[in-house]
Amino acid sequence: MYLTSDKKKEIFAQHGKNEQDTGSAEGQIALFTFRINHLTGHLKNNHKDHSTRRSLIRLVGKRRSLLDYLKKKDIERYRSVIAELNLRK
């Protein structure tokens, strides 16, 4: 499996306050970004996998709504997340 509990803890420790902080917007955005990157790679090899494509689109929408929320609440946290995860060109 590509996403083990150890990998989740590592992502939350790196982008959240600590590895127990699974509810912060930054941690959730980082986790969604990891999952989006994995599914994108999967779809490059399996372009007819429509259920995975639908899951990818839903994840992108969830990440987008979290980013919009963070932008509305605290623009500095939004900018730091964008810079850390390289989401913009």
Protein backbone atom coordinates (compact mmCIF):
# COMPACT_ATOMS: atom_id res chain seq x y z
CA MET A 1 0.00 0.00 0.00
CA TYR A 2 1.34 3.40 -0.93
CA LEU A 3 0.10 5.31 2.14
CA THR A 4 1.00 3.66 5.42
CA SER A 5 0.27 5.08 8.84
CA ASP A 6 3.98 5.87 9.24
CA LYS A 7 3.92 7.93 6.04
CA LYS A 8 0.82 9.79 7.26
CA LYS A 9 2.53 10.58 10.57
CA GLU A 10 5.56 11.84 8.68
CA ILE A 11 3.42 14.11 6.50
CA PHE A 12 1.51 15.50 9.49
CA ALA A 13 4.73 15.99 11.49
CA GLN A 14 6.32 17.87 8.60
CA HIS A 15 3.37 20.10 7.68
CA GLY A 16 1.25 20.22 10.83
CA LYS A 17 2.17 21.21 14.36
CA ASN A 18 3.05 17.60 15.25
CA GLU A 19 2.21 14.10 14.07
CA GLN A 20 -0.94 14.04 16.22
CA ASP A 21 -2.28 17.21 14.52
CA THR A 22 -4.36 15.58 11.79
CA GLY A 23 -7.05 18.25 11.69
CA SER A 24 -5.04 21.29 10.64
CA ALA A 25 -5.67 22.60 7.17
CA GLU A 26 -1.96 22.50 6.32
CA GLY A 27 -1.67 18.83 7.23
CA GLN A 28 -4.78 17.86 5.31
CA ILE A 29 -3.65 19.81 2.23
CA ALA A 30 -0.26 18.08 2.37
CA LEU A 31 -1.92 14.66 2.65
CA PHE A 32 -4.27 15.41 -0.25
CA THR A 33 -1.30 16.60 -2.33
CA PHE A 34 0.57 13.35 -1.65
CA ARG A 35 -2.49 11.31 -2.65
CA ILE A 36 -3.10 13.47 -5.76
CA ASN A 37 0.50 12.97 -6.91
CA HIS A 38 0.19 9.21 -6.44
CA LEU A 39 -3.11 8.99 -8.34
CA THR A 40 -1.74 11.17 -11.14
CA GLY A 41 1.14 8.76 -11.62
CA HIS A 42 -1.27 5.84 -11.58
CA LEU A 43 -3.46 7.44 -14.23
CA LYS A 44 -0.50 8.05 -16.52
CA ASN A 45 -0.08 4.28 -16.76
CA ASN A 46 -3.78 3.33 -16.56
CA HIS A 47 -5.62 5.96 -18.55
CA LYS A 48 -8.85 3.95 -18.76
CA ASP A 49 -9.28 3.71 -14.98
CA HIS A 50 -12.29 6.00 -14.67
CA SER A 51 -13.05 5.32 -11.01
CA THR A 52 -9.57 6.49 -10.06
CA ARG A 53 -10.00 9.54 -12.29
CA ARG A 54 -13.22 10.39 -10.44
CA SER A 55 -11.45 9.97 -7.08
CA LEU A 56 -8.66 12.24 -8.27
CA ILE A 57 -11.12 14.95 -9.29
CA ARG A 58 -12.85 14.73 -5.89
CA LEU A 59 -9.51 15.02 -4.08
CA VAL A 60 -8.51 18.06 -6.12
CA GLY A 61 -11.85 19.67 -5.24
CA LYS A 62 -11.38 18.96 -1.53
CA ARG A 63 -7.87 20.40 -1.62
CA ARG A 64 -9.13 23.44 -3.50
CA SER A 65 -11.85 24.10 -0.91
CA LEU A 66 -9.34 23.76 1.94
CA LEU A 67 -6.98 26.16 0.17
CA ASP A 68 -9.84 28.64 -0.31
CA TYR A 69 -10.71 28.36 3.38
CA LEU A 70 -7.10 28.93 4.40
CA LYS A 71 -6.79 31.88 2.04
CA LYS A 72 -9.90 33.45 3.53
CA LYS A 73 -8.85 32.87 7.17
CA ASP A 74 -5.09 33.49 7.14
CA ILE A 75 -3.30 34.59 3.97
CA GLU A 76 0.18 34.06 5.43
CA ARG A 77 -0.50 30.39 6.25
CA TYR A 78 -1.93 30.00 2.74
CA ARG A 79 1.21 31.45 1.17
CA SER A 80 3.48 29.25 3.27
CA VAL A 81 1.54 26.09 2.28
CA ILE A 82 1.70 27.05 -1.39
CA ALA A 83 5.46 27.63 -1.12
CA GLU A 84 6.15 24.40 0.82
CA LEU A 85 4.18 22.12 -1.48
CA ASN A 86 5.07 23.89 -4.77
CA LEU A 87 1.42 24.09 -5.83
CA ARG A 88 1.83 27.15 -8.03
CA LYS A 89 4.20 27.76 -10.90
